[in-house]
Amino acid sequence: MKFEALACPTRRSVFEKLRGGASSVGALAVGMPVSRPAVSQHLKILKDAGLVAERRDGVRRIYSIDRAGLDEMRDYFDRFWDEALDSYKRSLEGRDA
């Protein structure tokens, strides 16, 4: 689900904006090619995927990157590359035999 959530270029842009720190929907919508309500919908998808966290600040909602979700993706890629490199190493060792 995490990768599916980031498949959309607009959601990736919203997610990348959050690298700069926590932000409100209004601030995230500035410069985006979609409306503020659309940014809210994209944030909901990112939140449901476990990539974005939300907290209340009065009437505003502040969004930030959910480190646990990001760590989960990083772990996936670490395992993927470890397995791919091990497989490659075994194939090279098989050629030497």
Protein backbone atom coordinates (compact mmCIF):
# COMPACT_ATOMS: atom_id res chain seq x y z
CA MET A 1 0.00 0.00 0.00
CA LYS A 2 2.87 2.40 0.73
CA PHE A 3 4.30 2.07 -2.76
CA GLU A 4 0.87 2.43 -4.32
CA ALA A 5 0.32 5.65 -2.37
CA LEU A 6 3.55 7.09 -3.77
CA ALA A 7 2.80 5.97 -7.33
CA CYS A 8 0.84 9.17 -7.94
CA PRO A 9 3.15 12.09 -8.90
CA THR A 10 1.04 14.60 -6.96
CA ARG A 11 1.21 12.52 -3.78
CA ARG A 12 4.97 12.15 -4.23
CA SER A 13 5.22 15.93 -4.51
CA VAL A 14 3.19 16.42 -1.33
CA PHE A 15 5.30 13.79 0.46
CA GLU A 16 8.53 15.41 -0.73
CA LYS A 17 7.36 18.82 0.50
CA LEU A 18 7.08 17.29 3.97
CA ARG A 19 10.81 16.54 3.94
CA GLY A 20 11.24 20.19 4.89
CA GLY A 21 9.24 19.64 8.07
CA ALA A 22 5.70 19.51 9.36
CA SER A 23 3.20 21.63 7.49
CA SER A 24 -0.46 22.53 7.18
CA VAL A 25 -2.60 21.65 4.17
CA GLY A 26 -2.68 25.29 3.11
CA ALA A 27 1.11 25.58 3.11
CA LEU A 28 1.48 22.29 1.25
CA ALA A 29 -1.05 23.40 -1.38
CA VAL A 30 0.98 26.50 -2.31
CA GLY A 31 2.48 25.99 -5.74
CA MET A 32 0.72 22.69 -6.30
CA PRO A 33 -1.17 22.12 -9.57
CA VAL A 34 -4.22 20.92 -7.59
CA SER A 35 -6.67 22.54 -5.17
CA ARG A 36 -6.33 22.61 -1.41
CA PRO A 37 -9.14 20.03 -1.01
CA ALA A 38 -7.30 17.77 -3.46
CA VAL A 39 -4.12 18.08 -1.38
CA SER A 40 -6.20 17.07 1.66
CA GLN A 41 -7.41 13.98 -0.19
CA HIS A 42 -3.84 13.08 -1.16
CA LEU A 43 -2.74 13.52 2.46
CA LYS A 44 -5.51 11.18 3.59
CA ILE A 45 -4.23 8.48 1.24
CA LEU A 46 -0.65 9.00 2.46
CA LYS A 47 -1.87 8.87 6.07
CA ASP A 48 -3.89 5.69 5.45
CA ALA A 49 -0.75 4.14 3.91
CA GLY A 50 1.21 4.94 7.06
CA LEU A 51 3.53 7.44 5.39
CA VAL A 52 2.18 10.63 6.92
CA ALA A 53 1.20 11.48 10.50
CA GLU A 54 -1.37 14.11 11.47
CA ARG A 55 -1.77 16.21 14.60
CA ARG A 56 -4.18 18.95 15.54
CA ASP A 57 -3.07 22.50 16.25
CA GLY A 58 -6.28 24.30 17.19
CA VAL A 59 -8.50 24.09 14.14
CA ARG A 60 -5.61 23.29 11.80
CA ARG A 61 -4.16 19.90 11.04
CA ILE A 62 -0.42 19.62 10.78
CA TYR A 63 1.12 16.84 8.70
CA SER A 64 4.56 15.30 8.89
CA ILE A 65 6.35 12.26 7.55
CA ASP A 66 5.64 9.16 9.63
CA ARG A 67 9.13 7.81 10.33
CA ALA A 68 7.81 4.33 11.14
CA GLY A 69 6.26 4.05 7.68
CA LEU A 70 9.40 5.35 6.05
CA ASP A 71 11.52 2.88 8.04
CA GLU A 72 9.25 0.06 6.87
CA MET A 73 9.89 1.02 3.23
CA ARG A 74 13.62 1.30 3.86
CA ASP A 75 13.66 -2.17 5.46
CA TYR A 76 11.89 -3.56 2.40
CA PHE A 77 14.51 -2.11 0.06
CA ASP A 78 17.37 -3.24 2.30
CA ARG A 79 16.05 -6.82 2.19
CA PHE A 80 15.44 -6.57 -1.55
CA TRP A 81 18.98 -5.42 -2.31
CA ASP A 82 20.55 -7.89 0.13
CA GLU A 83 18.74 -10.75 -1.61
CA ALA A 84 19.53 -9.42 -5.09
CA LEU A 85 23.23 -8.99 -4.30
CA ASP A 86 23.43 -12.44 -2.68
CA SER A 87 21.83 -13.96 -5.75
CA TYR A 88 24.25 -12.11 -8.02
CA LYS A 89 27.21 -13.27 -5.91
CA ARG A 90 26.03 -16.89 -6.10
CA SER A 91 25.66 -16.64 -9.87
CA LEU A 92 29.22 -15.31 -10.18
CA GLU A 93 30.59 -17.99 -7.88
CA GLY A 94 28.82 -20.60 -10.03
CA ARG A 95 30.71 -19.39 -13.10
CA ASP A 96 34.07 -19.85 -11.41
CA ALA A 97 33.38 -23.51 -10.64
